[in-house]
Amino acid sequence: LSISGMHMSLVAAFLFGGIRLMLALIPPLALTLPIKKIAAMLSMLGTG
């Protein structure tokens, strides 16, 4: 019931996994950009 580690971790994990998957489905982006780090930055913004 209290927003804490489990909730923040799940939100970050879903955002990170979802953003990374969407970027990986676009070959020009997946082959030229560090999509893992981009997903991490956007996930940090969304979790914030």
ModelCIF file with pLDDT and N, C-alpha, C, O atoms, coordinates in Angstrom:
data_MODEL
#
_entry.id   MODEL 
#
_entity.id                         1 
_entity.type                       polymer 
_entity.pdbx_number_of_molecules   1 
#
_entity_poly.entity_id                      1 
_entity_poly.type                           'polypeptide(L)' 
_entity_poly.nstd_linkage                   no 
_entity_poly.nstd_monomer                   no 
_entity_poly.pdbx_seq_one_letter_code       LSISGMHMSLVAAFLFGGIRLMLALIPPLALTLPIKKIAAMLSMLGTG 
_entity_poly.pdbx_seq_one_letter_code_can   LSISGMHMSLVAAFLFGGIRLMLALIPPLALTLPIKKIAAMLSMLGTG 
_entity_poly.pdbx_strand_id                 A 
#
loop_
_entity_poly_seq.entity_id 
_entity_poly_seq.num 
_entity_poly_seq.mon_id 
_entity_poly_seq.hetero 
1 1  LEU n 
1 2  SER n 
1 3  ILE n 
1 4  SER n 
1 5  GLY n 
1 6  MET n 
1 7  HIS n 
1 8  MET n 
1 9  SER n 
1 10 LEU n 
1 11 VAL n 
1 12 ALA n 
1 13 ALA n 
1 14 PHE n 
1 15 LEU n 
1 16 PHE n 
1 17 GLY n 
1 18 GLY n 
1 19 ILE n 
1 20 ARG n 
1 21 LEU n 
1 22 MET n 
1 23 LEU n 
1 24 ALA n 
1 25 LEU n 
1 26 ILE n 
1 27 PRO n 
1 28 PRO n 
1 29 LEU n 
1 30 ALA n 
1 31 LEU n 
1 32 THR n 
1 33 LEU n 
1 34 PRO n 
1 35 ILE n 
1 36 LYS n 
1 37 LYS n 
1 38 ILE n 
1 39 ALA n 
1 40 ALA n 
1 41 MET n 
1 42 LEU n 
1 43 SER n 
1 44 MET n 
1 45 LEU n 
1 46 GLY n 
1 47 THR n 
1 48 GLY n 
#
_struct_asym.id          A 
_struct_asym.entity_id   1 
#
loop_
_ma_qa_metric.id 
_ma_qa_metric.mode 
_ma_qa_metric.name 
_ma_qa_metric.software_group_id 
_ma_qa_metric.type 
1 global pLDDT . pLDDT 
2 local  pLDDT . pLDDT 
#
_ma_qa_metric_global.metric_id      1 
_ma_qa_metric_global.metric_value   86.75 
_ma_qa_metric_global.model_id       1 
_ma_qa_metric_global.ordinal_id     1 
#
loop_
_ma_qa_metric_local.label_asym_id 
_ma_qa_metric_local.label_comp_id 
_ma_qa_metric_local.label_seq_id 
_ma_qa_metric_local.metric_id 
_ma_qa_metric_local.metric_value 
_ma_qa_metric_local.model_id 
_ma_qa_metric_local.ordinal_id 
A LEU 1  2 81.00 1 1  
A SER 2  2 78.00 1 2  
A ILE 3  2 74.00 1 3  
A SER 4  2 74.00 1 4  
A GLY 5  2 71.00 1 5  
A MET 6  2 75.00 1 6  
A HIS 7  2 79.00 1 7  
A MET 8  2 84.00 1 8  
A SER 9  2 84.00 1 9  
A LEU 10 2 83.00 1 10 
A VAL 11 2 87.00 1 11 
A ALA 12 2 88.00 1 12 
A ALA 13 2 87.00 1 13 
A PHE 14 2 87.00 1 14 
A LEU 15 2 90.00 1 15 
A PHE 16 2 89.00 1 16 
A GLY 17 2 88.00 1 17 
A GLY 18 2 89.00 1 18 
A ILE 19 2 90.00 1 19 
A ARG 20 2 90.00 1 20 
A LEU 21 2 89.00 1 21 
A MET 22 2 91.00 1 22 
A LEU 23 2 90.00 1 23 
A ALA 24 2 90.00 1 24 
A LEU 25 2 88.00 1 25 
A ILE 26 2 88.00 1 26 
A PRO 27 2 87.00 1 27 
A PRO 28 2 86.00 1 28 
A LEU 29 2 86.00 1 29 
A ALA 30 2 83.00 1 30 
A LEU 31 2 84.00 1 31 
A THR 32 2 87.00 1 32 
A LEU 33 2 87.00 1 33 
A PRO 34 2 90.00 1 34 
A ILE 35 2 89.00 1 35 
A LYS 36 2 90.00 1 36 
A LYS 37 2 91.00 1 37 
A ILE 38 2 91.00 1 38 
A ALA 39 2 91.00 1 39 
A ALA 40 2 91.00 1 40 
A MET 41 2 93.00 1 41 
A LEU 42 2 92.00 1 42 
A SER 43 2 91.00 1 43 
A MET 44 2 91.00 1 44 
A LEU 45 2 92.00 1 45 
A GLY 46 2 90.00 1 46 
A THR 47 2 89.00 1 47 
A GLY 48 2 89.00 1 48 
#
loop_
_atom_site.group_PDB 
_atom_site.id 
_atom_site.type_symbol 
_atom_site.label_atom_id 
_atom_site.label_alt_id 
_atom_site.label_comp_id 
_atom_site.label_asym_id 
_atom_site.label_entity_id 
_atom_site.label_seq_id 
_atom_site.pdbx_PDB_ins_code 
_atom_site.Cartn_x 
_atom_site.Cartn_y 
_atom_site.Cartn_z 
_atom_site.occupancy 
_atom_site.B_iso_or_equiv 
_atom_site.pdbx_formal_charge 
_atom_site.auth_seq_id 
_atom_site.auth_comp_id 
_atom_site.auth_asym_id 
_atom_site.auth_atom_id 
_atom_site.pdbx_PDB_model_num 
ATOM 1   N N  . LEU A 1 1  ? 0.805  -1.216 0.000   1.00 81.00 ? 1  LEU A N  1 
ATOM 2   C CA . LEU A 1 1  ? 0.000  0.000  0.000   1.00 81.00 ? 1  LEU A CA 1 
ATOM 3   C C  . LEU A 1 1  ? 0.840  1.269  0.000   1.00 81.00 ? 1  LEU A C  1 
ATOM 4   O O  . LEU A 1 1  ? 0.338  2.335  -0.357  1.00 81.00 ? 1  LEU A O  1 
ATOM 5   N N  . SER A 1 2  ? 2.097  1.178  0.390   1.00 78.00 ? 2  SER A N  1 
ATOM 6   C CA . SER A 1 2  ? 2.965  2.351  0.462   1.00 78.00 ? 2  SER A CA 1 
ATOM 7   C C  . SER A 1 2  ? 3.928  2.337  -0.714  1.00 78.00 ? 2  SER A C  1 
ATOM 8   O O  . SER A 1 2  ? 4.678  1.380  -0.910  1.00 78.00 ? 2  SER A O  1 
ATOM 9   N N  . ILE A 1 3  ? 3.896  3.415  -1.497  1.00 74.00 ? 3  ILE A N  1 
ATOM 10  C CA . ILE A 1 3  ? 4.785  3.492  -2.663  1.00 74.00 ? 3  ILE A CA 1 
ATOM 11  C C  . ILE A 1 3  ? 6.222  3.502  -2.181  1.00 74.00 ? 3  ILE A C  1 
ATOM 12  O O  . ILE A 1 3  ? 6.657  4.433  -1.504  1.00 74.00 ? 3  ILE A O  1 
ATOM 13  N N  . SER A 1 4  ? 6.958  2.451  -2.538  1.00 74.00 ? 4  SER A N  1 
ATOM 14  C CA . SER A 1 4  ? 8.325  2.292  -2.054  1.00 74.00 ? 4  SER A CA 1 
ATOM 15  C C  . SER A 1 4  ? 9.142  1.586  -3.125  1.00 74.00 ? 4  SER A C  1 
ATOM 16  O O  . SER A 1 4  ? 8.889  1.741  -4.320  1.00 74.00 ? 4  SER A O  1 
ATOM 17  N N  . GLY A 1 5  ? 10.130 0.806  -2.681  1.00 71.00 ? 5  GLY A N  1 
ATOM 18  C CA . GLY A 1 5  ? 11.071 0.211  -3.618  1.00 71.00 ? 5  GLY A CA 1 
ATOM 19  C C  . GLY A 1 5  ? 10.439 -0.671 -4.664  1.00 71.00 ? 5  GLY A C  1 
ATOM 20  O O  . GLY A 1 5  ? 10.799 -0.599 -5.839  1.00 71.00 ? 5  GLY A O  1 
ATOM 21  N N  . MET A 1 6  ? 9.495  -1.510 -4.252  1.00 75.00 ? 6  MET A N  1 
ATOM 22  C CA . MET A 1 6  ? 8.884  -2.425 -5.200  1.00 75.00 ? 6  MET A CA 1 
ATOM 23  C C  . MET A 1 6  ? 8.159  -1.663 -6.307  1.00 75.00 ? 6  MET A C  1 
ATOM 24  O O  . MET A 1 6  ? 8.297  -1.997 -7.483  1.00 75.00 ? 6  MET A O  1 
ATOM 25  N N  . HIS A 1 7  ? 7.396  -0.652 -5.939  1.00 79.00 ? 7  HIS A N  1 
ATOM 26  C CA . HIS A 1 7  ? 6.626  0.094  -6.935  1.00 79.00 ? 7  HIS A CA 1 
ATOM 27  C C  . HIS A 1 7  ? 7.538  0.878  -7.872  1.00 79.00 ? 7  HIS A C  1 
ATOM 28  O O  . HIS A 1 7  ? 7.363  0.845  -9.090  1.00 79.00 ? 7  HIS A O  1 
ATOM 29  N N  . MET A 1 8  ? 8.518  1.586  -7.293  1.00 84.00 ? 8  MET A N  1 
ATOM 30  C CA . MET A 1 8  ? 9.444  2.353  -8.125  1.00 84.00 ? 8  MET A CA 1 
ATOM 31  C C  . MET A 1 8  ? 10.233 1.442  -9.063  1.00 84.00 ? 8  MET A C  1 
ATOM 32  O O  . MET A 1 8  ? 10.442 1.773  -10.230 1.00 84.00 ? 8  MET A O  1 
ATOM 33  N N  . SER A 1 9  ? 10.667 0.296  -8.547  1.00 84.00 ? 9  SER A N  1 
ATOM 34  C CA . SER A 1 9  ? 11.449 -0.632 -9.371  1.00 84.00 ? 9  SER A CA 1 
ATOM 35  C C  . SER A 1 9  ? 10.614 -1.185 -10.514 1.00 84.00 ? 9  SER A C  1 
ATOM 36  O O  . SER A 1 9  ? 11.097 -1.310 -11.640 1.00 84.00 ? 9  SER A O  1 
ATOM 37  N N  . LEU A 1 10 ? 9.358  -1.518 -10.223 1.00 83.00 ? 10 LEU A N  1 
ATOM 38  C CA . LEU A 1 10 ? 8.502  -2.056 -11.279 1.00 83.00 ? 10 LEU A CA 1 
ATOM 39  C C  . LEU A 1 10 ? 8.226  -1.006 -12.352 1.00 83.00 ? 10 LEU A C  1 
ATOM 40  O O  . LEU A 1 10 ? 8.274  -1.307 -13.545 1.00 83.00 ? 10 LEU A O  1 
ATOM 41  N N  . VAL A 1 11 ? 7.939  0.224  -11.928 1.00 87.00 ? 11 VAL A N  1 
ATOM 42  C CA . VAL A 1 11 ? 7.703  1.286  -12.911 1.00 87.00 ? 11 VAL A CA 1 
ATOM 43  C C  . VAL A 1 11 ? 8.949  1.504  -13.762 1.00 87.00 ? 11 VAL A C  1 
ATOM 44  O O  . VAL A 1 11 ? 8.858  1.604  -14.986 1.00 87.00 ? 11 VAL A O  1 
ATOM 45  N N  . ALA A 1 12 ? 10.120 1.577  -13.113 1.00 88.00 ? 12 ALA A N  1 
ATOM 46  C CA . ALA A 1 12 ? 11.358 1.769  -13.862 1.00 88.00 ? 12 ALA A CA 1 
ATOM 47  C C  . ALA A 1 12 ? 11.623 0.602  -14.805 1.00 88.00 ? 12 ALA A C  1 
ATOM 48  O O  . ALA A 1 12 ? 12.060 0.803  -15.938 1.00 88.00 ? 12 ALA A O  1 
ATOM 49  N N  . ALA A 1 13 ? 11.359 -0.624 -14.336 1.00 87.00 ? 13 ALA A N  1 
ATOM 50  C CA . ALA A 1 13 ? 11.614 -1.804 -15.172 1.00 87.00 ? 13 ALA A CA 1 
ATOM 51  C C  . ALA A 1 13 ? 10.706 -1.825 -16.390 1.00 87.00 ? 13 ALA A C  1 
ATOM 52  O O  . ALA A 1 13 ? 11.162 -2.109 -17.497 1.00 87.00 ? 13 ALA A O  1 
ATOM 53  N N  . PHE A 1 14 ? 9.421  -1.525 -16.197 1.00 87.00 ? 14 PHE A N  1 
ATOM 54  C CA . PHE A 1 14 ? 8.489  -1.529 -17.328 1.00 87.00 ? 14 PHE A CA 1 
ATOM 55  C C  . PHE A 1 14 ? 8.833  -0.421 -18.324 1.00 87.00 ? 14 PHE A C  1 
ATOM 56  O O  . PHE A 1 14 ? 8.798  -0.634 -19.536 1.00 87.00 ? 14 PHE A O  1 
ATOM 57  N N  . LEU A 1 15 ? 9.166  0.762  -17.806 1.00 90.00 ? 15 LEU A N  1 
ATOM 58  C CA . LEU A 1 15 ? 9.532  1.852  -18.709 1.00 90.00 ? 15 LEU A CA 1 
ATOM 59  C C  . LEU A 1 15 ? 10.825 1.522  -19.457 1.00 90.00 ? 15 LEU A C  1 
ATOM 60  O O  . LEU A 1 15 ? 10.909 1.711  -20.671 1.00 90.00 ? 15 LEU A O  1 
ATOM 61  N N  . PHE A 1 16 ? 11.827 1.030  -18.732 1.00 89.00 ? 16 PHE A N  1 
ATOM 62  C CA . PHE A 1 16 ? 13.107 0.702  -19.352 1.00 89.00 ? 16 PHE A CA 1 
ATOM 63  C C  . PHE A 1 16 ? 12.937 -0.390 -20.409 1.00 89.00 ? 16 PHE A C  1 
ATOM 64  O O  . PHE A 1 16 ? 13.433 -0.266 -21.529 1.00 89.00 ? 16 PHE A O  1 
ATOM 65  N N  . GLY A 1 17 ? 12.230 -1.461 -20.036 1.00 88.00 ? 17 GLY A N  1 
ATOM 66  C CA . GLY A 1 17 ? 12.036 -2.554 -20.991 1.00 88.00 ? 17 GLY A CA 1 
ATOM 67  C C  . GLY A 1 17 ? 11.195 -2.148 -22.179 1.00 88.00 ? 17 GLY A C  1 
ATOM 68  O O  . GLY A 1 17 ? 11.504 -2.511 -23.314 1.00 88.00 ? 17 GLY A O  1 
ATOM 69  N N  . GLY A 1 18 ? 10.129 -1.395 -21.932 1.00 89.00 ? 18 GLY A N  1 
ATOM 70  C CA . GLY A 1 18 ? 9.259  -0.991 -23.032 1.00 89.00 ? 18 GLY A CA 1 
ATOM 71  C C  . GLY A 1 18 ? 9.942  -0.033 -23.997 1.00 89.00 ? 18 GLY A C  1 
ATOM 72  O O  . GLY A 1 18 ? 9.840  -0.194 -25.213 1.00 89.00 ? 18 GLY A O  1 
ATOM 73  N N  . ILE A 1 19 ? 10.640 0.968  -23.454 1.00 90.00 ? 19 ILE A N  1 
ATOM 74  C CA . ILE A 1 19 ? 11.326 1.940  -24.320 1.00 90.00 ? 19 ILE A CA 1 
ATOM 75  C C  . ILE A 1 19 ? 12.440 1.253  -25.112 1.00 90.00 ? 19 ILE A C  1 
ATOM 76  O O  . ILE A 1 19 ? 12.612 1.516  -26.303 1.00 90.00 ? 19 ILE A O  1 
ATOM 77  N N  . ARG A 1 20 ? 13.185 0.384  -24.455 1.00 90.00 ? 20 ARG A N  1 
ATOM 78  C CA . ARG A 1 20 ? 14.274 -0.302 -25.156 1.00 90.00 ? 20 ARG A CA 1 
ATOM 79  C C  . ARG A 1 20 ? 13.732 -1.214 -26.257 1.00 90.00 ? 20 ARG A C  1 
ATOM 80  O O  . ARG A 1 20 ? 14.328 -1.315 -27.329 1.00 90.00 ? 20 ARG A O  1 
ATOM 81  N N  . LEU A 1 21 ? 12.605 -1.875 -25.992 1.00 89.00 ? 21 LEU A N  1 
ATOM 82  C CA . LEU A 1 21 ? 12.005 -2.748 -27.006 1.00 89.00 ? 21 LEU A CA 1 
ATOM 83  C C  . LEU A 1 21 ? 11.538 -1.938 -28.208 1.00 89.00 ? 21 LEU A C  1 
ATOM 84  O O  . LEU A 1 21 ? 11.760 -2.334 -29.352 1.00 89.00 ? 21 LEU A O  1 
ATOM 85  N N  . MET A 1 22 ? 10.890 -0.799 -27.950 1.00 91.00 ? 22 MET A N  1 
ATOM 86  C CA . MET A 1 22 ? 10.412 0.019  -29.066 1.00 91.00 ? 22 MET A CA 1 
ATOM 87  C C  . MET A 1 22 ? 11.568 0.554  -29.906 1.00 91.00 ? 22 MET A C  1 
ATOM 88  O O  . MET A 1 22 ? 11.485 0.591  -31.134 1.00 91.00 ? 22 MET A O  1 
ATOM 89  N N  . LEU A 1 23 ? 12.645 0.968  -29.242 1.00 90.00 ? 23 LEU A N  1 
ATOM 90  C CA . LEU A 1 23 ? 13.800 1.453  -30.001 1.00 90.00 ? 23 LEU A CA 1 
ATOM 91  C C  . LEU A 1 23 ? 14.469 0.319  -30.772 1.00 90.00 ? 23 LEU A C  1 
ATOM 92  O O  . LEU A 1 23 ? 14.975 0.535  -31.873 1.00 90.00 ? 23 LEU A O  1 
ATOM 93  N N  . ALA A 1 24 ? 14.476 -0.890 -30.202 1.00 90.00 ? 24 ALA A N  1 
ATOM 94  C CA . ALA A 1 24 ? 15.103 -2.027 -30.883 1.00 90.00 ? 24 ALA A CA 1 
ATOM 95  C C  . ALA A 1 24 ? 14.331 -2.445 -32.128 1.00 90.00 ? 24 ALA A C  1 
ATOM 96  O O  . ALA A 1 24 ? 14.901 -3.043 -33.040 1.00 90.00 ? 24 ALA A O  1 
ATOM 97  N N  . LEU A 1 25 ? 13.040 -2.134 -32.170 1.00 88.00 ? 25 LEU A N  1 
ATOM 98  C CA . LEU A 1 25 ? 12.220 -2.497 -33.330 1.00 88.00 ? 25 LEU A CA 1 
ATOM 99  C C  . LEU A 1 25 ? 12.441 -1.549 -34.511 1.00 88.00 ? 25 LEU A C  1 
ATOM 100 O O  . LEU A 1 25 ? 11.912 -1.777 -35.600 1.00 88.00 ? 25 LEU A O  1 
ATOM 101 N N  . ILE A 1 26 ? 13.214 -0.499 -34.296 1.00 88.00 ? 26 ILE A N  1 
ATOM 102 C CA . ILE A 1 26 ? 13.523 0.453  -35.379 1.00 88.00 ? 26 ILE A CA 1 
ATOM 103 C C  . ILE A 1 26 ? 14.998 0.279  -35.738 1.00 88.00 ? 26 ILE A C  1 
ATOM 104 O O  . ILE A 1 26 ? 15.853 0.858  -35.067 1.00 88.00 ? 26 ILE A O  1 
ATOM 105 N N  . PRO A 1 27 ? 15.325 -0.499 -36.775 1.00 87.00 ? 27 PRO A N  1 
ATOM 106 C CA . PRO A 1 27 ? 16.723 -0.841 -37.073 1.00 87.00 ? 27 PRO A CA 1 
ATOM 107 C C  . PRO A 1 27 ? 17.663 0.350  -37.179 1.00 87.00 ? 27 PRO A C  1 
ATOM 108 O O  . PRO A 1 27 ? 18.758 0.282  -36.620 1.00 87.00 ? 27 PRO A O  1 
ATOM 109 N N  . PRO A 1 28 ? 17.305 1.451  -37.865 1.00 86.00 ? 28 PRO A N  1 
ATOM 110 C CA . PRO A 1 28 ? 18.265 2.567  -37.930 1.00 86.00 ? 28 PRO A CA 1 
ATOM 111 C C  . PRO A 1 28 ? 18.668 3.104  -36.554 1.00 86.00 ? 28 PRO A C  1 
ATOM 112 O O  . PRO A 1 28 ? 19.818 3.492  -36.347 1.00 86.00 ? 28 PRO A O  1 
ATOM 113 N N  . LEU A 1 29 ? 17.719 3.123  -35.619 1.00 86.00 ? 29 LEU A N  1 
ATOM 114 C CA . LEU A 1 29 ? 18.038 3.591  -34.272 1.00 86.00 ? 29 LEU A CA 1 
ATOM 115 C C  . LEU A 1 29 ? 18.820 2.541  -33.491 1.00 86.00 ? 29 LEU A C  1 
ATOM 116 O O  . LEU A 1 29 ? 19.782 2.860  -32.792 1.00 86.00 ? 29 LEU A O  1 
ATOM 117 N N  . ALA A 1 30 ? 18.392 1.271  -33.620 1.00 83.00 ? 30 ALA A N  1 
ATOM 118 C CA . ALA A 1 30 ? 19.049 0.206  -32.872 1.00 83.00 ? 30 ALA A CA 1 
ATOM 119 C C  . ALA A 1 30 ? 20.505 0.027  -33.282 1.00 83.00 ? 30 ALA A C  1 
ATOM 120 O O  . ALA A 1 30 ? 21.332 -0.353 -32.454 1.00 83.00 ? 30 ALA A O  1 
ATOM 121 N N  . LEU A 1 31 ? 20.832 0.291  -34.542 1.00 84.00 ? 31 LEU A N  1 
ATOM 122 C CA . LEU A 1 31 ? 22.186 0.056  -35.040 1.00 84.00 ? 31 LEU A CA 1 
ATOM 123 C C  . LEU A 1 31 ? 23.105 1.257  -34.865 1.00 84.00 ? 31 LEU A C  1 
ATOM 124 O O  . LEU A 1 31 ? 24.324 1.120  -34.959 1.00 84.00 ? 31 LEU A O  1 
ATOM 125 N N  . THR A 1 32 ? 22.542 2.418  -34.614 1.00 87.00 ? 32 THR A N  1 
ATOM 126 C CA . THR A 1 32 ? 23.380 3.625  -34.566 1.00 87.00 ? 32 THR A CA 1 
ATOM 127 C C  . THR A 1 32 ? 23.377 4.321  -33.209 1.00 87.00 ? 32 THR A C  1 
ATOM 128 O O  . THR A 1 32 ? 24.267 5.127  -32.941 1.00 87.00 ? 32 THR A O  1 
ATOM 129 N N  . LEU A 1 33 ? 22.420 4.039  -32.362 1.00 87.00 ? 33 LEU A N  1 
ATOM 130 C CA . LEU A 1 33 ? 22.310 4.736  -31.089 1.00 87.00 ? 33 LEU A CA 1 
ATOM 131 C C  . LEU A 1 33 ? 22.479 3.775  -29.912 1.00 87.00 ? 33 LEU A C  1 
ATOM 132 O O  . LEU A 1 33 ? 22.159 2.593  -30.034 1.00 87.00 ? 33 LEU A O  1 
ATOM 133 N N  . PRO A 1 34 ? 22.975 4.266  -28.778 1.00 90.00 ? 34 PRO A N  1 
ATOM 134 C CA . PRO A 1 34 ? 23.046 3.432  -27.560 1.00 90.00 ? 34 PRO A CA 1 
ATOM 135 C C  . PRO A 1 34 ? 21.662 3.334  -26.905 1.00 90.00 ? 34 PRO A C  1 
ATOM 136 O O  . PRO A 1 34 ? 21.371 4.021  -25.925 1.00 90.00 ? 34 PRO A O  1 
ATOM 137 N N  . ILE A 1 35 ? 20.830 2.473  -27.466 1.00 89.00 ? 35 ILE A N  1 
ATOM 138 C CA . ILE A 1 35 ? 19.421 2.451  -27.044 1.00 89.00 ? 35 ILE A CA 1 
ATOM 139 C C  . ILE A 1 35 ? 19.273 2.046  -25.574 1.00 89.00 ? 35 ILE A C  1 
ATOM 140 O O  . ILE A 1 35 ? 18.316 2.460  -24.921 1.00 89.00 ? 35 ILE A O  1 
ATOM 141 N N  . LYS A 1 36 ? 20.197 1.250  -25.046 1.00 90.00 ? 36 LYS A N  1 
ATOM 142 C CA . LYS A 1 36 ? 20.112 0.855  -23.634 1.00 90.00 ? 36 LYS A CA 1 
ATOM 143 C C  . LYS A 1 36 ? 20.250 2.080  -22.731 1.00 90.00 ? 36 LYS A C  1 
ATOM 144 O O  . LYS A 1 36 ? 19.506 2.228  -21.762 1.00 90.00 ? 36 LYS A O  1 
ATOM 145 N N  . LYS A 1 37 ? 21.193 2.949  -23.048 1.00 91.00 ? 37 LYS A N  1 
ATOM 146 C CA . LYS A 1 37 ? 21.394 4.144  -22.231 1.00 91.00 ? 37 LYS A CA 1 
ATOM 147 C C  . LYS A 1 37 ? 20.261 5.148  -22.432 1.00 91.00 ? 37 LYS A C  1 
ATOM 148 O O  . LYS A 1 37 ? 19.854 5.828  -21.490 1.00 91.00 ? 37 LYS A O  1 
ATOM 149 N N  . ILE A 1 38 ? 19.757 5.237  -23.655 1.00 91.00 ? 38 ILE A N  1 
ATOM 150 C CA . ILE A 1 38 ? 18.613 6.123  -23.899 1.00 91.00 ? 38 ILE A CA 1 
ATOM 151 C C  . ILE A 1 38 ? 17.414 5.645  -23.097 1.00 91.00 ? 38 ILE A C  1 
ATOM 152 O O  . ILE A 1 38 ? 16.700 6.447  -22.493 1.00 91.00 ? 38 ILE A O  1 
ATOM 153 N N  . ALA A 1 39 ? 17.196 4.328  -23.092 1.00 91.00 ? 39 ALA A N  1 
ATOM 154 C CA . ALA A 1 39 ? 16.085 3.772  -22.314 1.00 91.00 ? 39 ALA A CA 1 
ATOM 155 C C  . ALA A 1 39 ? 16.270 4.051  -20.829 1.00 91.00 ? 39 ALA A C  1 
ATOM 156 O O  . ALA A 1 39 ? 15.304 4.338  -20.122 1.00 91.00 ? 39 ALA A O  1 
ATOM 157 N N  . ALA A 1 40 ? 17.517 3.965  -20.353 1.00 91.00 ? 40 ALA A N  1 
ATOM 158 C CA . ALA A 1 40 ? 17.775 4.237  -18.938 1.00 91.00 ? 40 ALA A CA 1 
ATOM 159 C C  . ALA A 1 40 ? 17.468 5.692  -18.596 1.00 91.00 ? 40 ALA A C  1 
ATOM 160 O O  . ALA A 1 40 ? 16.862 5.970  -17.561 1.00 91.00 ? 40 ALA A O  1 
ATOM 161 N N  . MET A 1 41 ? 17.882 6.627  -19.461 1.00 93.00 ? 41 MET A N  1 
ATOM 162 C CA . MET A 1 41 ? 17.623 8.043  -19.190 1.00 93.00 ? 41 MET A CA 1 
ATOM 163 C C  . MET A 1 41 ? 16.131 8.359  -19.204 1.00 93.00 ? 41 MET A C  1 
ATOM 164 O O  . MET A 1 41 ? 15.629 9.051  -18.319 1.00 93.00 ? 41 MET A O  1 
ATOM 165 N N  . LEU A 1 42 ? 15.423 7.848  -20.213 1.00 92.00 ? 42 LEU A N  1 
ATOM 166 C CA . LEU A 1 42 ? 13.980 8.101  -20.278 1.00 92.00 ? 42 LEU A CA 1 
ATOM 167 C C  . LEU A 1 42 ? 13.247 7.411  -19.137 1.00 92.00 ? 42 LEU A C  1 
ATOM 168 O O  . LEU A 1 42 ? 12.269 7.939  -18.608 1.00 92.00 ? 42 LEU A O  1 
ATOM 169 N N  . SER A 1 43 ? 13.725 6.225  -18.760 1.00 91.00 ? 43 SER A N  1 
ATOM 170 C CA . SER A 1 43 ? 13.113 5.532  -17.624 1.00 91.00 ? 43 SER A CA 1 
ATOM 171 C C  . SER A 1 43 ? 13.311 6.319  -16.341 1.00 91.00 ? 43 SER A C  1 
ATOM 172 O O  . SER A 1 43 ? 12.403 6.384  -15.513 1.00 91.00 ? 43 SER A O  1 
ATOM 173 N N  . MET A 1 44 ? 14.496 6.927  -16.157 1.00 91.00 ? 44 MET A N  1 
ATOM 174 C CA . MET A 1 44 ? 14.732 7.749  -14.978 1.00 91.00 ? 44 MET A CA 1 
ATOM 175 C C  . MET A 1 44 ? 13.800 8.952  -14.960 1.00 91.00 ? 44 MET A C  1 
ATOM 176 O O  . MET A 1 44 ? 13.284 9.323  -13.906 1.00 91.00 ? 44 MET A O  1 
ATOM 177 N N  . LEU A 1 45 ? 13.584 9.564  -16.121 1.00 92.00 ? 45 LEU A N  1 
ATOM 178 C CA . LEU A 1 45 ? 12.674 10.698 -16.207 1.00 92.00 ? 45 LEU A CA 1 
ATOM 179 C C  . LEU A 1 45 ? 11.247 10.283 -15.877 1.00 92.00 ? 45 LEU A C  1 
ATOM 180 O O  . LEU A 1 45 ? 10.552 10.972 -15.129 1.00 92.00 ? 45 LEU A O  1 
ATOM 181 N N  . GLY A 1 46 ? 10.806 9.150  -16.437 1.00 90.00 ? 46 GLY A N  1 
ATOM 182 C CA . GLY A 1 46 ? 9.443  8.675  -16.167 1.00 90.00 ? 46 GLY A CA 1 
ATOM 183 C C  . GLY A 1 46 ? 9.247  8.279  -14.715 1.00 90.00 ? 46 GLY A C  1 
ATOM 184 O O  . GLY A 1 46 ? 8.210  8.576  -14.121 1.00 90.00 ? 46 GLY A O  1 
ATOM 185 N N  . THR A 1 47 ? 10.247 7.604  -14.137 1.00 89.00 ? 47 THR A N  1 
ATOM 186 C CA . THR A 1 47 ? 10.134 7.216  -12.732 1.00 89.00 ? 47 THR A CA 1 
ATOM 187 C C  . THR A 1 47 ? 10.140 8.437  -11.833 1.00 89.00 ? 47 THR A C  1 
ATOM 188 O O  . THR A 1 47 ? 9.454  8.458  -10.811 1.00 89.00 ? 47 THR A O  1 
ATOM 189 N N  . GLY A 1 48 ? 10.909 9.461  -12.203 1.00 89.00 ? 48 GLY A N  1 
ATOM 190 C CA . GLY A 1 48 ? 10.896 10.704 -11.443 1.00 89.00 ? 48 GLY A CA 1 
ATOM 191 C C  . GLY A 1 48 ? 9.536  11.378 -11.477 1.00 89.00 ? 48 GLY A C  1 
ATOM 192 O O  . GLY A 1 48 ? 9.359  12.441 -10.882 1.00 89.00 ? 48 GLY A O  1 
#
